[in-house]
Protein backbone atom coordinates (compact mmCIF):
# COMPACT_ATOMS: atom_id res chain seq x y z
CA MET A 1 75.76 94.05 109.18
CA GLY A 2 76.36 95.87 112.48
CA SER A 3 75.40 99.38 113.27
CA GLU A 4 78.97 100.47 112.61
CA GLY A 5 78.82 99.33 109.22
CA ILE A 6 75.56 101.38 108.60
CA TYR A 7 75.97 104.59 110.40
CA ILE A 8 78.64 106.98 109.41
CA ASN A 9 78.40 110.00 111.76
CA GLU A 10 81.02 108.99 114.32
CA LYS A 11 83.24 107.54 111.48
CA PHE A 12 83.06 111.07 109.97
CA GLN A 13 84.31 112.60 113.16
CA ARG A 14 87.36 110.55 112.78
CA PHE A 15 88.20 110.99 109.21
CA ARG A 16 91.80 112.16 108.46
CA LEU A 17 93.31 113.11 105.36
CA GLY A 18 96.26 111.02 104.30
CA SER A 19 99.48 111.39 106.00
CA ASN A 20 101.26 111.82 102.92
CA LEU A 21 99.83 115.17 102.03
CA ARG A 22 102.82 117.74 101.71
CA SER A 23 101.66 121.39 101.42
CA SER A 24 101.73 124.50 103.00
CA ASN A 25 99.66 125.14 105.99
CA LYS A 26 97.20 127.51 104.09
CA LYS A 27 96.51 124.76 101.21
CA THR A 28 96.23 122.19 103.76
CA ASN A 29 93.52 124.14 105.82
CA LEU A 30 91.82 124.96 102.50
CA LEU A 31 91.74 121.09 101.68
CA LYS A 32 90.51 120.10 105.05
CA TYR A 33 87.71 122.75 104.82
CA PHE A 34 86.62 121.39 101.62
CA THR A 35 86.75 117.95 103.01
CA SER A 36 84.59 118.87 105.78
CA VAL A 37 81.98 120.26 103.29
CA LEU A 38 82.08 117.13 101.36
CA LEU A 39 81.50 114.96 104.45
CA ILE A 40 78.27 117.29 105.57
CA LEU A 41 76.94 117.13 102.13
CA PHE A 42 77.67 112.99 101.96
CA VAL A 43 76.06 112.20 105.38
CA SER A 44 74.00 109.27 104.56
CA THR A 45 72.69 105.94 106.06
CA VAL A 46 71.39 102.56 104.76
CA PRO A 47 67.60 102.88 105.01
CA ALA A 48 65.82 100.33 106.92
CA ASN A 49 63.39 99.77 103.75
CA LEU A 50 65.71 99.21 100.83
CA PHE A 51 62.95 100.54 98.58
CA ASP A 52 63.76 103.80 99.95
CA LEU A 53 67.08 103.93 98.01
CA GLN A 54 64.87 105.38 95.11
CA SER A 55 64.46 108.56 96.86
CA PHE A 56 68.42 108.79 97.25
CA SER A 57 70.22 111.40 95.24
CA SER A 58 73.29 110.20 93.51
CA ILE A 59 75.59 111.92 96.35
CA GLN A 60 73.61 110.13 99.03
CA PHE A 61 74.00 106.72 97.11
CA PHE A 62 77.50 106.85 96.67
CA ALA A 63 78.15 108.17 100.22
CA MET A 64 76.48 104.87 101.54
CA MET A 65 78.21 102.80 99.10
CA TRP A 66 81.47 104.32 100.40
CA ASP A 67 80.81 103.62 103.96
CA MET A 68 79.45 100.29 103.52
CA SER A 69 82.53 99.29 101.41
CA GLU A 70 84.79 100.28 104.38
CA TYR A 71 83.02 98.01 106.75
CA VAL A 72 83.12 95.15 104.08
CA CYS A 73 86.92 95.68 103.41
CA HIS A 74 87.86 95.25 107.13
CA ASN A 75 85.59 92.27 107.73
CA VAL A 76 86.77 90.22 104.64
CA LEU A 77 90.53 91.08 105.13
CA GLN A 78 90.50 89.95 108.52
CA GLN A 79 89.00 86.49 107.95
CA GLU A 80 91.48 83.80 108.97
CA SER A 81 91.50 82.07 105.30
CA VAL A 82 92.33 85.70 103.72
CA GLN A 83 95.09 86.44 106.26
CA LYS A 84 96.80 83.21 105.33
CA LEU A 85 96.78 84.31 101.84
CA ILE A 86 98.00 87.52 102.60
CA HIS A 87 101.03 86.09 104.54
CA SER A 88 101.64 83.15 102.27
CA MET A 89 105.15 82.77 101.07
CA ASP A 90 105.05 80.08 98.41
CA LEU A 91 102.24 80.94 96.11
CA HIS A 92 102.23 82.60 92.59
CA PHE A 93 99.43 83.82 90.64
CA ASP A 94 99.77 85.10 86.97
CA VAL A 95 96.92 87.70 87.11
CA VAL A 96 94.76 88.90 89.83
CA ILE A 97 91.19 89.60 89.07
CA VAL A 98 89.26 91.98 91.10
CA GLU A 99 85.44 93.06 91.29
CA ALA A 100 85.54 96.81 90.58
CA PHE A 101 82.75 97.81 92.91
CA PHE A 102 83.85 99.95 96.00
CA ASN A 103 86.66 97.39 97.08
CA GLU A 104 89.84 99.10 96.15
CA CYS A 105 91.31 97.62 99.22
CA PHE A 106 91.57 94.27 97.50
CA LEU A 107 94.08 95.68 95.15
CA GLY A 108 96.83 94.91 97.67
CA PHE A 109 96.74 91.29 96.41
CA ALA A 110 98.31 92.55 93.01
CA HIS A 111 101.29 93.94 94.78
CA LYS A 112 101.56 90.96 97.13
CA PHE A 113 101.90 88.68 94.31
CA GLN A 114 103.40 91.14 91.69
CA ALA A 115 100.73 90.22 88.99
CA PRO A 116 98.93 92.51 86.58
CA ILE A 117 95.39 93.68 87.67
CA ILE A 118 92.12 92.86 85.66
CA GLN A 119 89.26 94.55 87.07
CA VAL A 120 85.59 93.34 86.28
CA CYS A 121 82.86 95.85 86.74
CA PRO A 122 79.40 94.22 87.39
CA TYR A 123 77.55 97.27 85.95
CA ALA A 124 78.24 99.81 82.96
CA GLY A 125 81.04 101.39 84.76
CA GLY A 126 81.85 104.68 86.61
CA THR A 127 83.71 107.65 84.82
CA PHE A 128 86.34 107.18 87.53
CA MET A 129 87.30 103.60 86.14
CA ALA A 130 88.12 104.95 82.79
CA ASP A 131 90.81 107.03 84.40
CA TRP A 132 92.53 103.65 85.38
CA VAL A 133 93.43 102.88 81.81
CA GLY A 134 93.48 106.26 80.41
CA SER A 135 90.11 106.29 78.53
CA PRO A 136 88.57 109.49 78.13
CA ASN A 137 85.64 110.96 80.05
CA THR A 138 83.58 113.19 77.93
CA TYR A 139 80.93 114.85 80.22
CA SER A 140 79.48 116.96 77.53
CA TYR A 141 77.75 114.06 75.72
CA VAL A 142 78.16 110.97 77.94
CA PRO A 143 75.73 111.23 80.95
CA ASP A 144 76.94 109.96 84.51
CA GLU A 145 75.59 106.29 85.09
CA SER A 146 73.43 107.62 88.05
CA ILE A 147 71.22 110.20 86.11
CA ASP A 148 68.80 109.70 83.44
CA TYR A 149 70.02 112.12 80.75
CA THR A 150 70.69 111.09 77.18
CA ASP A 151 73.52 111.85 74.94
CA LYS A 152 71.35 114.88 73.58
CA MET A 153 72.01 116.88 76.77
CA ASN A 154 71.18 120.78 76.75
CA PHE A 155 73.57 123.29 78.25
CA TRP A 156 72.18 122.90 81.98
CA GLU A 157 72.18 119.28 81.64
CA ARG A 158 75.66 119.23 80.70
CA THR A 159 76.49 121.64 83.35
CA HIS A 160 74.73 119.37 85.99
CA ASN A 161 76.30 116.31 84.50
CA THR A 162 79.90 117.92 84.70
CA ILE A 163 79.58 119.05 88.18
CA LEU A 164 78.25 115.67 89.45
CA CYS A 165 80.94 113.92 87.79
CA LEU A 166 83.64 115.99 89.06
CA PHE A 167 82.24 116.15 92.58
CA LYS A 168 82.04 112.35 92.91
CA HIS A 169 85.49 112.50 91.70
CA VAL A 170 86.94 114.90 94.44
CA GLY A 171 84.63 112.93 97.04
CA ARG A 172 86.14 109.48 96.04
CA GLN A 173 89.71 110.89 96.36
CA LEU A 174 89.21 112.75 99.72
CA ILE A 175 86.89 110.35 101.33
CA HIS A 176 86.42 106.79 99.67
CA LEU A 177 90.00 106.13 98.93
CA PRO A 178 91.52 106.90 102.10
CA LYS A 179 89.26 104.67 103.90
CA GLN A 180 90.11 101.94 101.66
CA ASN A 181 93.77 102.58 101.74
CA ALA A 182 93.62 102.56 105.56
CA ALA A 183 91.98 99.20 105.41
CA MET A 184 94.67 97.65 103.03
CA GLN A 185 97.60 99.15 104.98
CA LYS A 186 96.19 97.69 108.16
CA ASN A 187 95.46 94.20 106.94
CA PHE A 188 98.22 93.68 104.40
CA ASN A 189 100.64 93.95 107.23
CA TYR A 190 103.38 91.56 105.53
CA THR A 191 105.29 94.48 104.41
CA ASP A 192 106.01 98.24 105.13
CA ASN A 193 106.49 99.09 101.34
CA LEU A 194 102.89 98.64 100.26
CA PRO A 195 101.95 101.37 97.97
CA PRO A 196 98.98 103.38 98.62
CA VAL A 197 95.54 102.22 96.97
CA TRP A 198 95.26 105.58 94.62
CA GLU A 199 98.67 104.34 93.02
CA LEU A 200 97.75 100.62 92.59
CA GLU A 201 94.40 101.25 90.70
CA TYR A 202 96.36 103.01 88.09
CA LYS A 203 98.42 99.60 87.61
CA THR A 204 95.08 98.34 86.20
CA SER A 205 95.87 96.48 82.85
CA LEU A 206 92.26 95.60 81.78
CA VAL A 207 88.83 96.84 82.79
CA LEU A 208 85.77 94.58 81.72
CA LEU A 209 82.38 96.07 81.84
CA ASN A 210 79.25 94.33 82.35
CA THR A 211 77.31 96.04 79.40
CA HIS A 212 76.97 96.29 75.62
CA TYR A 213 77.43 98.92 73.26
CA SER A 214 73.81 98.46 72.12
CA LEU A 215 72.63 99.57 75.42
CA GLN A 216 75.11 102.56 75.79
CA TYR A 217 75.27 105.86 74.25
CA PRO A 218 78.30 106.22 72.00
CA LYS A 219 81.62 107.18 73.73
CA PRO A 220 85.13 106.66 73.09
CA LEU A 221 86.93 103.78 74.69
CA VAL A 222 90.59 102.60 74.67
CA PRO A 223 91.54 98.93 73.88
CA ASN A 224 91.80 97.96 77.51
CA TYR A 225 88.47 99.31 78.45
CA VAL A 226 86.10 96.57 77.06
CA GLN A 227 82.45 96.36 77.16
CA VAL A 228 81.50 92.50 77.61
CA GLY A 229 78.09 92.32 78.55
CA GLY A 230 76.51 88.92 77.63
CA MET A 231 79.62 86.97 77.51
CA HIS A 232 78.23 84.65 79.84
CA VAL A 233 75.17 83.82 77.65
CA LYS A 234 75.70 80.26 76.14
CA PRO A 235 74.74 79.73 72.30
CA PRO A 236 71.20 79.10 71.69
CA THR A 237 70.37 75.23 71.38
CA LYS A 238 67.46 73.51 69.77
CA LEU A 239 64.60 72.95 71.70
CA PRO A 240 63.49 69.48 72.64
CA GLU A 241 60.52 68.00 70.47
CA VAL A 242 57.21 67.80 72.14
CA ARG A 243 54.50 65.44 71.15
CA ILE A 244 51.41 67.92 71.56
CA PHE A 245 48.94 65.32 70.41
CA ARG A 246 49.71 62.90 73.08
CA LEU A 247 49.97 65.36 75.75
CA MET A 248 46.36 66.73 74.78
CA TYR A 249 45.08 63.04 74.53
CA VAL A 250 46.21 62.40 78.15
CA TYR A 251 44.71 65.62 79.33
CA CYS A 252 41.31 64.63 77.81
CA LEU A 253 41.32 61.42 79.70
CA ILE A 254 42.10 63.03 82.88
CA ILE A 255 39.23 65.35 82.31
């Protein structure tokens, strides 16, 4: 991965709010100020030693992932085979399955093929994913996936959990999604009517989470927000019989 995909300082200087922001100058200036504060707090780089990630705060980790995902989106969508798929005229798909892991730019395929979206999350899922399908986020007793709280949080832990979840949500809206939308709009250039990525993600029909209720604290889930951890595990089969006596006999002869 090149340095342009690792270091984010220069990219922060080029950050712009979405062009569809319609508000008064006072409100716009306030929003830009708040965005600048978020950018300063989110400044992070990929460490040379990946074991150093354990010392990253939750905000630093997500800032790193948001920046890396922009680099990945541009490079994948610019591949010749992917561009052929984007500009194809004779293909049809019944559903578009997307991995829900910091790559919302790929949701453009759902609009391209006018197909429902199924998102598959490789981990237990973030709070923002529940928003896609209207599943409630109960910060008072469901801890964020990046902190080690239980469902028995005290007042200060609940406060910390709520602030962290809201802060990540705002940062995602102001930093991550505009970058993803820019990558999508640039590479899905077959049409001028492509909806922004923050609209496409709310057209998700189903979210599959790689976790199991036995490993999670209780929380409310809507029917299309499904925990499917272990679905790749095949049913157990009978172990083959081993003739231990003969093996021991051969072993003794060798000795």
